[in-house]
Full PDB file with SEQRES, HELIX, SHEET, SSBOND, CRYST1, ORIGX, SCALE, CONECT and MASTER records, all heavy atoms in Angstrom:
SEQRES   1 A   36  ALA ALA ASP ILE THR ARG ASN GLU TRP PHE HIS ALA THR          
SEQRES   2 A   36  ILE GLU VAL ARG GLY ASN HIS LEU LYS VAL PHE THR ASN          
SEQRES   3 A   36  LYS ASN PRO LYS PRO ASN MET ASP ILE THR                      
SHEET    1 AA1 3 ALA A  12  ARG A  17  0                                        
SHEET    2 AA1 3 HIS A  20  THR A  25 -1                                        
SHEET    3 AA1 3 MET A  33  ILE A  35 -1                                        
CRYST1    1.000    1.000    1.000  90.00  90.00  90.00 P 1           1          
ORIGX1      1.000000  0.000000  0.000000        0.00000                         
ORIGX2      0.000000  1.000000  0.000000        0.00000                         
ORIGX3      0.000000  0.000000  1.000000        0.00000                         
SCALE1      1.000000  0.000000  0.000000        0.00000                         
SCALE2      0.000000  1.000000  0.000000        0.00000                         
SCALE3      0.000000  0.000000  1.000000        0.00000                         
ATOM      1  N   ALA A   1      -2.481   1.805  -6.465  1.00  0.00           N  
ATOM      2  CA  ALA A   1      -2.777   0.894  -5.356  1.00  0.00           C  
ATOM      3  C   ALA A   1      -3.119  -0.496  -5.881  1.00  0.00           C  
ATOM      4  O   ALA A   1      -3.618  -0.654  -6.998  1.00  0.00           O  
ATOM      5  CB  ALA A   1      -3.935   1.435  -4.533  1.00  0.00           C  
ATOM      6  N   ALA A   2      -2.850  -1.520  -5.071  1.00  0.00           N  
ATOM      7  CA  ALA A   2      -3.216  -2.895  -5.398  1.00  0.00           C  
ATOM      8  C   ALA A   2      -3.249  -3.707  -4.111  1.00  0.00           C  
ATOM      9  O   ALA A   2      -2.499  -3.436  -3.162  1.00  0.00           O  
ATOM     10  CB  ALA A   2      -2.232  -3.508  -6.390  1.00  0.00           C  
ATOM     11  N   ASP A   3      -4.108  -4.713  -4.083  1.00  0.00           N  
ATOM     12  CA  ASP A   3      -4.252  -5.572  -2.906  1.00  0.00           C  
ATOM     13  C   ASP A   3      -3.269  -6.729  -3.021  1.00  0.00           C  
ATOM     14  O   ASP A   3      -3.624  -7.828  -3.454  1.00  0.00           O  
ATOM     15  CB  ASP A   3      -5.693  -6.073  -2.801  1.00  0.00           C  
ATOM     16  CG  ASP A   3      -5.934  -6.866  -1.518  1.00  0.00           C  
ATOM     17  OD1 ASP A   3      -5.099  -6.760  -0.597  1.00  0.00           O  
ATOM     18  OD2 ASP A   3      -6.951  -7.584  -1.451  1.00  0.00           O  
ATOM     19  N   ILE A   4      -2.006  -6.463  -2.684  1.00  0.00           N  
ATOM     20  CA  ILE A   4      -0.971  -7.483  -2.724  1.00  0.00           C  
ATOM     21  C   ILE A   4      -0.286  -7.528  -1.361  1.00  0.00           C  
ATOM     22  O   ILE A   4      -0.289  -6.550  -0.612  1.00  0.00           O  
ATOM     23  CB  ILE A   4       0.057  -7.217  -3.841  1.00  0.00           C  
ATOM     24  CG1 ILE A   4       0.720  -5.843  -3.664  1.00  0.00           C  
ATOM     25  CG2 ILE A   4      -0.624  -7.301  -5.205  1.00  0.00           C  
ATOM     26  CD1 ILE A   4       1.794  -5.535  -4.712  1.00  0.00           C  
ATOM     27  N   THR A   5       0.305  -8.701  -1.040  1.00  0.00           N  
ATOM     28  CA  THR A   5       0.866  -8.921   0.288  1.00  0.00           C  
ATOM     29  C   THR A   5       2.270  -9.483   0.174  1.00  0.00           C  
ATOM     30  O   THR A   5       2.552 -10.305  -0.706  1.00  0.00           O  
ATOM     31  CB  THR A   5      -0.017  -9.902   1.088  1.00  0.00           C  
ATOM     32  OG1 THR A   5      -1.347  -9.385   1.149  1.00  0.00           O  
ATOM     33  CG2 THR A   5       0.510 -10.094   2.504  1.00  0.00           C  
ATOM     34  N   ARG A   6       3.123  -9.080   1.062  1.00  0.00           N  
ATOM     35  CA  ARG A   6       4.513  -9.527   1.102  1.00  0.00           C  
ATOM     36  C   ARG A   6       4.592 -11.046   1.222  1.00  0.00           C  
ATOM     37  O   ARG A   6       3.920 -11.658   2.058  1.00  0.00           O  
ATOM     38  CB  ARG A   6       5.204  -8.856   2.290  1.00  0.00           C  
ATOM     39  CG  ARG A   6       6.693  -9.100   2.431  1.00  0.00           C  
ATOM     40  CD  ARG A   6       7.166  -8.401   3.697  1.00  0.00           C  
ATOM     41  NE  ARG A   6       8.554  -8.677   4.000  1.00  0.00           N  
ATOM     42  CZ  ARG A   6       9.570  -7.903   3.624  1.00  0.00           C  
ATOM     43  NH1 ARG A   6       9.329  -6.809   2.940  1.00  0.00           N  
ATOM     44  NH2 ARG A   6      10.810  -8.218   3.948  1.00  0.00           N  
ATOM     45  N   ASN A   7       5.397 -11.663   0.320  1.00  0.00           N  
ATOM     46  CA  ASN A   7       5.634 -13.108   0.309  1.00  0.00           C  
ATOM     47  C   ASN A   7       4.376 -13.944   0.121  1.00  0.00           C  
ATOM     48  O   ASN A   7       4.303 -15.089   0.565  1.00  0.00           O  
ATOM     49  CB  ASN A   7       6.376 -13.556   1.578  1.00  0.00           C  
ATOM     50  CG  ASN A   7       7.880 -13.382   1.446  1.00  0.00           C  
ATOM     51  OD1 ASN A   7       8.425 -13.423   0.345  1.00  0.00           O  
ATOM     52  ND2 ASN A   7       8.550 -13.173   2.569  1.00  0.00           N  
ATOM     53  N   GLU A   8       3.379 -13.383  -0.565  1.00  0.00           N  
ATOM     54  CA  GLU A   8       2.176 -14.123  -0.945  1.00  0.00           C  
ATOM     55  C   GLU A   8       1.996 -14.010  -2.454  1.00  0.00           C  
ATOM     56  O   GLU A   8       2.217 -12.951  -3.044  1.00  0.00           O  
ATOM     57  CB  GLU A   8       0.936 -13.568  -0.233  1.00  0.00           C  
ATOM     58  CG  GLU A   8       0.943 -13.726   1.277  1.00  0.00           C  
ATOM     59  CD  GLU A   8       0.762 -15.168   1.719  1.00  0.00           C  
ATOM     60  OE1 GLU A   8       0.226 -15.973   0.914  1.00  0.00           O  
ATOM     61  OE2 GLU A   8       1.153 -15.495   2.856  1.00  0.00           O  
ATOM     62  N   TRP A   9       1.570 -15.112  -3.068  1.00  0.00           N  
ATOM     63  CA  TRP A   9       1.366 -15.099  -4.511  1.00  0.00           C  
ATOM     64  C   TRP A   9       0.264 -14.133  -4.911  1.00  0.00           C  
ATOM     65  O   TRP A   9      -0.782 -14.061  -4.261  1.00  0.00           O  
ATOM     66  CB  TRP A   9       0.995 -16.499  -5.018  1.00  0.00           C  
ATOM     67  CG  TRP A   9       2.127 -17.472  -5.059  1.00  0.00           C  
ATOM     68  CD1 TRP A   9       2.307 -18.557  -4.252  1.00  0.00           C  
ATOM     69  CD2 TRP A   9       3.231 -17.472  -5.962  1.00  0.00           C  
ATOM     70  NE1 TRP A   9       3.455 -19.232  -4.580  1.00  0.00           N  
ATOM     71  CE2 TRP A   9       4.037 -18.587  -5.638  1.00  0.00           C  
ATOM     72  CE3 TRP A   9       3.623 -16.657  -7.015  1.00  0.00           C  
ATOM     73  CZ2 TRP A   9       5.217 -18.903  -6.324  1.00  0.00           C  
ATOM     74  CZ3 TRP A   9       4.797 -16.958  -7.702  1.00  0.00           C  
ATOM     75  CH2 TRP A   9       5.582 -18.064  -7.362  1.00  0.00           C  
ATOM     76  N   PHE A  10       0.487 -13.370  -5.984  1.00  0.00           N  
ATOM     77  CA  PHE A  10      -0.573 -12.591  -6.617  1.00  0.00           C  
ATOM     78  C   PHE A  10      -0.416 -12.723  -8.133  1.00  0.00           C  
ATOM     79  O   PHE A  10       0.670 -13.001  -8.645  1.00  0.00           O  
ATOM     80  CB  PHE A  10      -0.546 -11.123  -6.185  1.00  0.00           C  
ATOM     81  CG  PHE A  10       0.673 -10.348  -6.600  1.00  0.00           C  
ATOM     82  CD1 PHE A  10       0.724  -9.654  -7.797  1.00  0.00           C  
ATOM     83  CD2 PHE A  10       1.798 -10.303  -5.767  1.00  0.00           C  
ATOM     84  CE1 PHE A  10       1.849  -8.929  -8.173  1.00  0.00           C  
ATOM     85  CE2 PHE A  10       2.937  -9.583  -6.131  1.00  0.00           C  
ATOM     86  CZ  PHE A  10       2.955  -8.894  -7.340  1.00  0.00           C  
ATOM     87  N   HIS A  11      -1.502 -12.507  -8.831  1.00  0.00           N  
ATOM     88  CA  HIS A  11      -1.497 -12.618 -10.288  1.00  0.00           C  
ATOM     89  C   HIS A  11      -1.409 -11.225 -10.891  1.00  0.00           C  
ATOM     90  O   HIS A  11      -2.097 -10.303 -10.446  1.00  0.00           O  
ATOM     91  CB  HIS A  11      -2.762 -13.324 -10.784  1.00  0.00           C  
ATOM     92  CG  HIS A  11      -2.730 -13.616 -12.260  1.00  0.00           C  
ATOM     93  ND1 HIS A  11      -2.015 -14.666 -12.796  1.00  0.00           N  
ATOM     94  CD2 HIS A  11      -3.315 -12.977 -13.320  1.00  0.00           C  
ATOM     95  CE1 HIS A  11      -2.172 -14.681 -14.107  1.00  0.00           C  
ATOM     96  NE2 HIS A  11      -2.943 -13.663 -14.456  1.00  0.00           N  
ATOM     97  N   ALA A  12      -0.578 -11.069 -11.897  1.00  0.00           N  
ATOM     98  CA  ALA A  12      -0.429  -9.786 -12.584  1.00  0.00           C  
ATOM     99  C   ALA A  12      -0.655  -9.969 -14.080  1.00  0.00           C  
ATOM    100  O   ALA A  12      -0.176 -10.935 -14.676  1.00  0.00           O  
ATOM    101  CB  ALA A  12       0.959  -9.193 -12.335  1.00  0.00           C  
ATOM    102  N   THR A  13      -1.385  -9.037 -14.662  1.00  0.00           N  
ATOM    103  CA  THR A  13      -1.589  -8.977 -16.104  1.00  0.00           C  
ATOM    104  C   THR A  13      -1.083  -7.628 -16.587  1.00  0.00           C  
ATOM    105  O   THR A  13      -1.493  -6.584 -16.062  1.00  0.00           O  
ATOM    106  CB  THR A  13      -3.069  -9.135 -16.470  1.00  0.00           C  
ATOM    107  OG1 THR A  13      -3.544 -10.389 -15.972  1.00  0.00           O  
ATOM    108  CG2 THR A  13      -3.256  -9.090 -17.976  1.00  0.00           C  
ATOM    109  N   ILE A  14      -0.194  -7.645 -17.565  1.00  0.00           N  
ATOM    110  CA  ILE A  14       0.421  -6.423 -18.085  1.00  0.00           C  
ATOM    111  C   ILE A  14       0.073  -6.324 -19.568  1.00  0.00           C  
ATOM    112  O   ILE A  14       0.372  -7.235 -20.341  1.00  0.00           O  
ATOM    113  CB  ILE A  14       1.945  -6.460 -17.889  1.00  0.00           C  
ATOM    114  CG1 ILE A  14       2.282  -6.615 -16.403  1.00  0.00           C  
ATOM    115  CG2 ILE A  14       2.601  -5.202 -18.467  1.00  0.00           C  
ATOM    116  CD1 ILE A  14       3.717  -7.001 -16.144  1.00  0.00           C  
ATOM    117  N   GLU A  15      -0.554  -5.225 -19.933  1.00  0.00           N  
ATOM    118  CA  GLU A  15      -0.975  -5.041 -21.326  1.00  0.00           C  
ATOM    119  C   GLU A  15      -0.346  -3.763 -21.869  1.00  0.00           C  
ATOM    120  O   GLU A  15      -0.505  -2.688 -21.289  1.00  0.00           O  
ATOM    121  CB  GLU A  15      -2.493  -4.957 -21.406  1.00  0.00           C  
ATOM    122  CG  GLU A  15      -3.037  -4.877 -22.814  1.00  0.00           C  
ATOM    123  CD  GLU A  15      -4.553  -4.902 -22.853  1.00  0.00           C  
ATOM    124  OE1 GLU A  15      -5.134  -5.981 -22.596  1.00  0.00           O  
ATOM    125  OE2 GLU A  15      -5.151  -3.835 -23.128  1.00  0.00           O  
ATOM    126  N   VAL A  16       0.352  -3.884 -22.987  1.00  0.00           N  
ATOM    127  CA  VAL A  16       1.027  -2.752 -23.617  1.00  0.00           C  
ATOM    128  C   VAL A  16       0.535  -2.623 -25.054  1.00  0.00           C  
ATOM    129  O   VAL A  16       0.607  -3.585 -25.832  1.00  0.00           O  
ATOM    130  CB  VAL A  16       2.560  -2.932 -23.606  1.00  0.00           C  
ATOM    131  CG1 VAL A  16       3.244  -1.827 -24.402  1.00  0.00           C  
ATOM    132  CG2 VAL A  16       3.076  -2.947 -22.166  1.00  0.00           C  
ATOM    133  N   ARG A  17       0.016  -1.440 -25.383  1.00  0.00           N  
ATOM    134  CA  ARG A  17      -0.364  -1.102 -26.760  1.00  0.00           C  
ATOM    135  C   ARG A  17       0.265   0.250 -27.078  1.00  0.00           C  
ATOM    136  O   ARG A  17      -0.158   1.263 -26.538  1.00  0.00           O  
ATOM    137  CB  ARG A  17      -1.878  -1.018 -26.917  1.00  0.00           C  
ATOM    138  CG  ARG A  17      -2.628  -2.330 -26.763  1.00  0.00           C  
ATOM    139  CD  ARG A  17      -4.115  -2.115 -26.950  1.00  0.00           C  
ATOM    140  NE  ARG A  17      -4.914  -3.291 -26.688  1.00  0.00           N  
ATOM    141  CZ  ARG A  17      -5.311  -4.169 -27.603  1.00  0.00           C  
ATOM    142  NH1 ARG A  17      -4.969  -3.971 -28.869  1.00  0.00           N  
ATOM    143  NH2 ARG A  17      -6.029  -5.211 -27.292  1.00  0.00           N  
ATOM    144  N   GLY A  18       1.265   0.263 -27.933  1.00  0.00           N  
ATOM    145  CA  GLY A  18       1.962   1.513 -28.223  1.00  0.00           C  
ATOM    146  C   GLY A  18       2.616   2.046 -26.955  1.00  0.00           C  
ATOM    147  O   GLY A  18       3.409   1.363 -26.312  1.00  0.00           O  
ATOM    148  N   ASN A  19       2.270   3.272 -26.572  1.00  0.00           N  
ATOM    149  CA  ASN A  19       2.804   3.838 -25.328  1.00  0.00           C  
ATOM    150  C   ASN A  19       1.800   3.768 -24.190  1.00  0.00           C  
ATOM    151  O   ASN A  19       1.930   4.472 -23.190  1.00  0.00           O  
ATOM    152  CB  ASN A  19       3.249   5.293 -25.548  1.00  0.00           C  
ATOM    153  CG  ASN A  19       2.094   6.199 -25.967  1.00  0.00           C  
ATOM    154  OD1 ASN A  19       0.971   5.738 -26.188  1.00  0.00           O  
ATOM    155  ND2 ASN A  19       2.366   7.487 -26.077  1.00  0.00           N  
ATOM    156  N   HIS A  20       0.786   2.920 -24.330  1.00  0.00           N  
ATOM    157  CA  HIS A  20      -0.274   2.793 -23.334  1.00  0.00           C  
ATOM    158  C   HIS A  20      -0.039   1.528 -22.514  1.00  0.00           C  
ATOM    159  O   HIS A  20       0.090   0.437 -23.056  1.00  0.00           O  
ATOM    160  CB  HIS A  20      -1.628   2.728 -24.038  1.00  0.00           C  
ATOM    161  CG  HIS A  20      -2.801   2.865 -23.134  1.00  0.00           C  
ATOM    162  ND1 HIS A  20      -4.101   2.682 -23.534  1.00  0.00           N  
ATOM    163  CD2 HIS A  20      -2.866   3.178 -21.805  1.00  0.00           C  
ATOM    164  CE1 HIS A  20      -4.919   2.868 -22.526  1.00  0.00           C  
ATOM    165  NE2 HIS A  20      -4.194   3.173 -21.458  1.00  0.00           N  
ATOM    166  N   LEU A  21       0.004   1.680 -21.189  1.00  0.00           N  
ATOM    167  CA  LEU A  21       0.257   0.559 -20.275  1.00  0.00           C  
ATOM    168  C   LEU A  21      -0.921   0.389 -19.327  1.00  0.00           C  
ATOM    169  O   LEU A  21      -1.356   1.339 -18.681  1.00  0.00           O  
ATOM    170  CB  LEU A  21       1.532   0.811 -19.459  1.00  0.00           C  
ATOM    171  CG  LEU A  21       1.792  -0.135 -18.277  1.00  0.00           C  
ATOM    172  CD1 LEU A  21       2.069  -1.557 -18.768  1.00  0.00           C  
ATOM    173  CD2 LEU A  21       2.959   0.375 -17.420  1.00  0.00           C  
ATOM    174  N   LYS A  22      -1.446  -0.845 -19.260  1.00  0.00           N  
ATOM    175  CA  LYS A  22      -2.455  -1.202 -18.273  1.00  0.00           C  
ATOM    176  C   LYS A  22      -1.925  -2.353 -17.431  1.00  0.00           C  
ATOM    177  O   LYS A  22      -1.305  -3.279 -17.954  1.00  0.00           O  
ATOM    178  CB  LYS A  22      -3.760  -1.626 -18.944  1.00  0.00           C  
ATOM    179  CG  LYS A  22      -4.527  -0.509 -19.622  1.00  0.00           C  
ATOM    180  CD  LYS A  22      -5.856  -1.034 -20.178  1.00  0.00           C  
ATOM    181  CE  LYS A  22      -6.647   0.063 -20.859  1.00  0.00           C  
ATOM    182  NZ  LYS A  22      -7.943  -0.451 -21.395  1.00  0.00           N  
ATOM    183  N   VAL A  23      -2.186  -2.281 -16.123  1.00  0.00           N  
ATOM    184  CA  VAL A  23      -1.763  -3.325 -15.201  1.00  0.00           C  
ATOM    185  C   VAL A  23      -2.968  -3.763 -14.378  1.00  0.00           C  
ATOM    186  O   VAL A  23      -3.646  -2.923 -13.767  1.00  0.00           O  
ATOM    187  CB  VAL A  23      -0.637  -2.835 -14.272  1.00  0.00           C  
ATOM    188  CG1 VAL A  23      -0.167  -3.976 -13.370  1.00  0.00           C  
ATOM    189  CG2 VAL A  23       0.525  -2.267 -15.075  1.00  0.00           C  
ATOM    190  N   PHE A  24      -3.224  -5.063 -14.365  1.00  0.00           N  
ATOM    191  CA  PHE A  24      -4.311  -5.635 -13.580  1.00  0.00           C  
ATOM    192  C   PHE A  24      -3.699  -6.593 -12.558  1.00  0.00           C  
ATOM    193  O   PHE A  24      -2.772  -7.331 -12.881  1.00  0.00           O  
ATOM    194  CB  PHE A  24      -5.274  -6.424 -14.462  1.00  0.00           C  
ATOM    195  CG  PHE A  24      -5.833  -5.660 -15.642  1.00  0.00           C  
ATOM    196  CD1 PHE A  24      -5.066  -5.477 -16.790  1.00  0.00           C  
ATOM    197  CD2 PHE A  24      -7.119  -5.155 -15.617  1.00  0.00           C  
ATOM    198  CE1 PHE A  24      -5.579  -4.796 -17.892  1.00  0.00           C  
ATOM    199  CE2 PHE A  24      -7.648  -4.478 -16.706  1.00  0.00           C  
ATOM    200  CZ  PHE A  24      -6.872  -4.291 -17.842  1.00  0.00           C  
ATOM    201  N   THR A  25      -4.215  -6.607 -11.338  1.00  0.00           N  
ATOM    202  CA  THR A  25      -3.759  -7.571 -10.346  1.00  0.00           C  
ATOM    203  C   THR A  25      -4.918  -8.443  -9.908  1.00  0.00           C  
ATOM    204  O   THR A  25      -6.068  -7.979  -9.795  1.00  0.00           O  
ATOM    205  CB  THR A  25      -3.148  -6.886  -9.114  1.00  0.00           C  
ATOM    206  OG1 THR A  25      -4.105  -6.001  -8.526  1.00  0.00           O  
ATOM    207  CG2 THR A  25      -1.893  -6.113  -9.490  1.00  0.00           C  
ATOM    208  N   ASN A  26      -4.597  -9.730  -9.673  1.00  0.00           N  
ATOM    209  CA  ASN A  26      -5.567 -10.702  -9.157  1.00  0.00           C  
ATOM    210  C   ASN A  26      -6.847 -10.751  -9.982  1.00  0.00           C  
ATOM    211  O   ASN A  26      -7.955 -10.846  -9.437  1.00  0.00           O  
ATOM    212  CB  ASN A  26      -5.865 -10.403  -7.686  1.00  0.00           C  
ATOM    213  CG  ASN A  26      -4.627 -10.559  -6.821  1.00  0.00           C  
ATOM    214  OD1 ASN A  26      -3.813 -11.454  -7.047  1.00  0.00           O  
ATOM    215  ND2 ASN A  26      -4.451  -9.660  -5.861  1.00  0.00           N  
ATOM    216  N   LYS A  27      -6.666 -10.633 -11.318  1.00  0.00           N  
ATOM    217  CA  LYS A  27      -7.755 -10.769 -12.293  1.00  0.00           C  
ATOM    218  C   LYS A  27      -8.866  -9.731 -12.096  1.00  0.00           C  
ATOM    219  O   LYS A  27     -10.039  -9.985 -12.416  1.00  0.00           O  
ATOM    220  CB  LYS A  27      -8.323 -12.187 -12.257  1.00  0.00           C  
ATOM    221  CG  LYS A  27      -7.276 -13.254 -12.592  1.00  0.00           C  
ATOM    222  CD  LYS A  27      -7.872 -14.628 -12.714  1.00  0.00           C  
ATOM    223  CE  LYS A  27      -6.806 -15.689 -12.975  1.00  0.00           C  
ATOM    224  NZ  LYS A  27      -6.060 -15.492 -14.241  1.00  0.00           N  
ATOM    225  N   ASN A  28      -8.519  -8.563 -11.571  1.00  0.00           N  
ATOM    226  CA  ASN A  28      -9.493  -7.475 -11.475  1.00  0.00           C  
ATOM    227  C   ASN A  28      -9.966  -7.079 -12.868  1.00  0.00           C  
ATOM    228  O   ASN A  28      -9.148  -6.956 -13.786  1.00  0.00           O  
ATOM    229  CB  ASN A  28      -8.873  -6.251 -10.791  1.00  0.00           C  
ATOM    230  CG  ASN A  28      -8.627  -6.478  -9.315  1.00  0.00           C  
ATOM    231  OD1 ASN A  28      -9.291  -7.299  -8.698  1.00  0.00           O  
ATOM    232  ND2 ASN A  28      -7.653  -5.772  -8.761  1.00  0.00           N  
ATOM    233  N   PRO A  29     -11.271  -6.833 -13.067  1.00  0.00           N  
ATOM    234  CA  PRO A  29     -11.743  -6.422 -14.395  1.00  0.00           C  
ATOM    235  C   PRO A  29     -11.305  -5.012 -14.771  1.00  0.00           C  
ATOM    236  O   PRO A  29     -11.197  -4.690 -15.954  1.00  0.00           O  
ATOM    237  CB  PRO A  29     -13.267  -6.516 -14.262  1.00  0.00           C  
ATOM    238  CG  PRO A  29     -13.545  -6.396 -12.792  1.00  0.00           C  
ATOM    239  CD  PRO A  29     -12.383  -7.027 -12.107  1.00  0.00           C  
ATOM    240  N   LYS A  30     -11.050  -4.164 -13.778  1.00  0.00           N  
ATOM    241  CA  LYS A  30     -10.577  -2.806 -14.035  1.00  0.00           C  
ATOM    242  C   LYS A  30      -9.086  -2.724 -13.727  1.00  0.00           C  
ATOM    243  O   LYS A  30      -8.613  -3.308 -12.758  1.00  0.00           O  
ATOM    244  CB  LYS A  30     -11.344  -1.793 -13.182  1.00  0.00           C  
ATOM    245  CG  LYS A  30     -12.818  -1.675 -13.552  1.00  0.00           C  
ATOM    246  CD  LYS A  30     -13.497  -0.588 -12.743  1.00  0.00           C  
ATOM    247  CE  LYS A  30     -14.954  -0.440 -13.144  1.00  0.00           C  
ATOM    248  NZ  LYS A  30     -15.635   0.643 -12.372  1.00  0.00           N  
ATOM    249  N   PRO A  31      -8.328  -1.982 -14.521  1.00  0.00           N  
ATOM    250  CA  PRO A  31      -6.883  -1.920 -14.285  1.00  0.00           C  
ATOM    251  C   PRO A  31      -6.544  -1.170 -13.009  1.00  0.00           C  
ATOM    252  O   PRO A  31      -7.166  -0.165 -12.681  1.00  0.00           O  
ATOM    253  CB  PRO A  31      -6.364  -1.176 -15.518  1.00  0.00           C  
ATOM    254  CG  PRO A  31      -7.525  -0.383 -16.019  1.00  0.00           C  
ATOM    255  CD  PRO A  31      -8.744  -1.195 -15.704  1.00  0.00           C  
ATOM    256  N   ASN A  32      -5.544  -1.671 -12.296  1.00  0.00           N  
ATOM    257  CA  ASN A  32      -5.004  -0.924 -11.159  1.00  0.00           C  
ATOM    258  C   ASN A  32      -4.225   0.289 -11.644  1.00  0.00           C  
ATOM    259  O   ASN A  32      -4.249   1.344 -11.020  1.00  0.00           O  
ATOM    260  CB  ASN A  32      -4.086  -1.824 -10.331  1.00  0.00           C  
ATOM    261  CG  ASN A  32      -4.801  -3.006  -9.746  1.00  0.00           C  
ATOM    262  OD1 ASN A  32      -4.975  -4.016 -10.419  1.00  0.00           O  
ATOM    263  ND2 ASN A  32      -5.248  -2.896  -8.507  1.00  0.00           N  
ATOM    264  N   MET A  33      -3.531   0.125 -12.759  1.00  0.00           N  
ATOM    265  CA  MET A  33      -2.755   1.209 -13.352  1.00  0.00           C  
ATOM    266  C   MET A  33      -3.135   1.335 -14.819  1.00  0.00           C  
ATOM    267  O   MET A  33      -3.250   0.334 -15.525  1.00  0.00           O  
ATOM    268  CB  MET A  33      -1.260   0.944 -13.191  1.00  0.00           C  
ATOM    269  CG  MET A  33      -0.361   1.964 -13.903  1.00  0.00           C  
ATOM    270  SD  MET A  33       1.412   1.647 -13.653  1.00  0.00           S  
ATOM    271  CE  MET A  33       1.636   2.344 -12.009  1.00  0.00           C  
ATOM    272  N   ASP A  34      -3.318   2.559 -15.279  1.00  0.00           N  
ATOM    273  CA  ASP A  34      -3.675   2.835 -16.671  1.00  0.00           C  
ATOM    274  C   ASP A  34      -3.000   4.153 -17.038  1.00  0.00           C  
ATOM    275  O   ASP A  34      -3.490   5.226 -16.717  1.00  0.00           O  
ATOM    276  CB  ASP A  34      -5.193   2.933 -16.810  1.00  0.00           C  
ATOM    277  CG  ASP A  34      -5.657   3.029 -18.256  1.00  0.00           C  
ATOM    278  OD1 ASP A  34      -4.814   3.285 -19.132  1.00  0.00           O  
ATOM    279  OD2 ASP A  34      -6.865   2.848 -18.507  1.00  0.00           O  
ATOM    280  N   ILE A  35      -1.834   4.074 -17.715  1.00  0.00           N  
ATOM    281  CA  ILE A  35      -1.006   5.262 -17.918  1.00  0.00           C  
ATOM    282  C   ILE A  35      -0.464   5.328 -19.338  1.00  0.00           C  
ATOM    283  O   ILE A  35      -0.466   4.339 -20.077  1.00  0.00           O  
ATOM    284  CB  ILE A  35       0.195   5.287 -16.941  1.00  0.00           C  
ATOM    285  CG1 ILE A  35       1.121   4.093 -17.200  1.00  0.00           C  
ATOM    286  CG2 ILE A  35      -0.262   5.339 -15.494  1.00  0.00           C  
ATOM    287  CD1 ILE A  35       2.451   4.165 -16.474  1.00  0.00           C  
ATOM    288  N   THR A  36       0.018   6.503 -19.715  1.00  0.00           N  
ATOM    289  CA  THR A  36       0.814   6.693 -20.915  1.00  0.00           C  
ATOM    290  C   THR A  36       2.277   6.661 -20.516  1.00  0.00           C  
ATOM    291  O   THR A  36       2.727   7.464 -19.686  1.00  0.00           O  
ATOM    292  CB  THR A  36       0.487   8.037 -21.588  1.00  0.00           C  
ATOM    293  OG1 THR A  36      -0.887   8.043 -21.971  1.00  0.00           O  
ATOM    294  CG2 THR A  36       1.358   8.253 -22.816  1.00  0.00           C  
TER     295      THR A  36                                                      
MASTER        0    0    0    0    3    0    0    6  294    1    0    3          
END                                                                             
């Protein structure tokens, strides 16, 4: 889940370390997605 809206700007941060993926939206301190 993420608080994003159709045709509105949002900020995304994508962090990849090895096979680990974290995704943050709108500068949230906790990742919206944290997966292998």
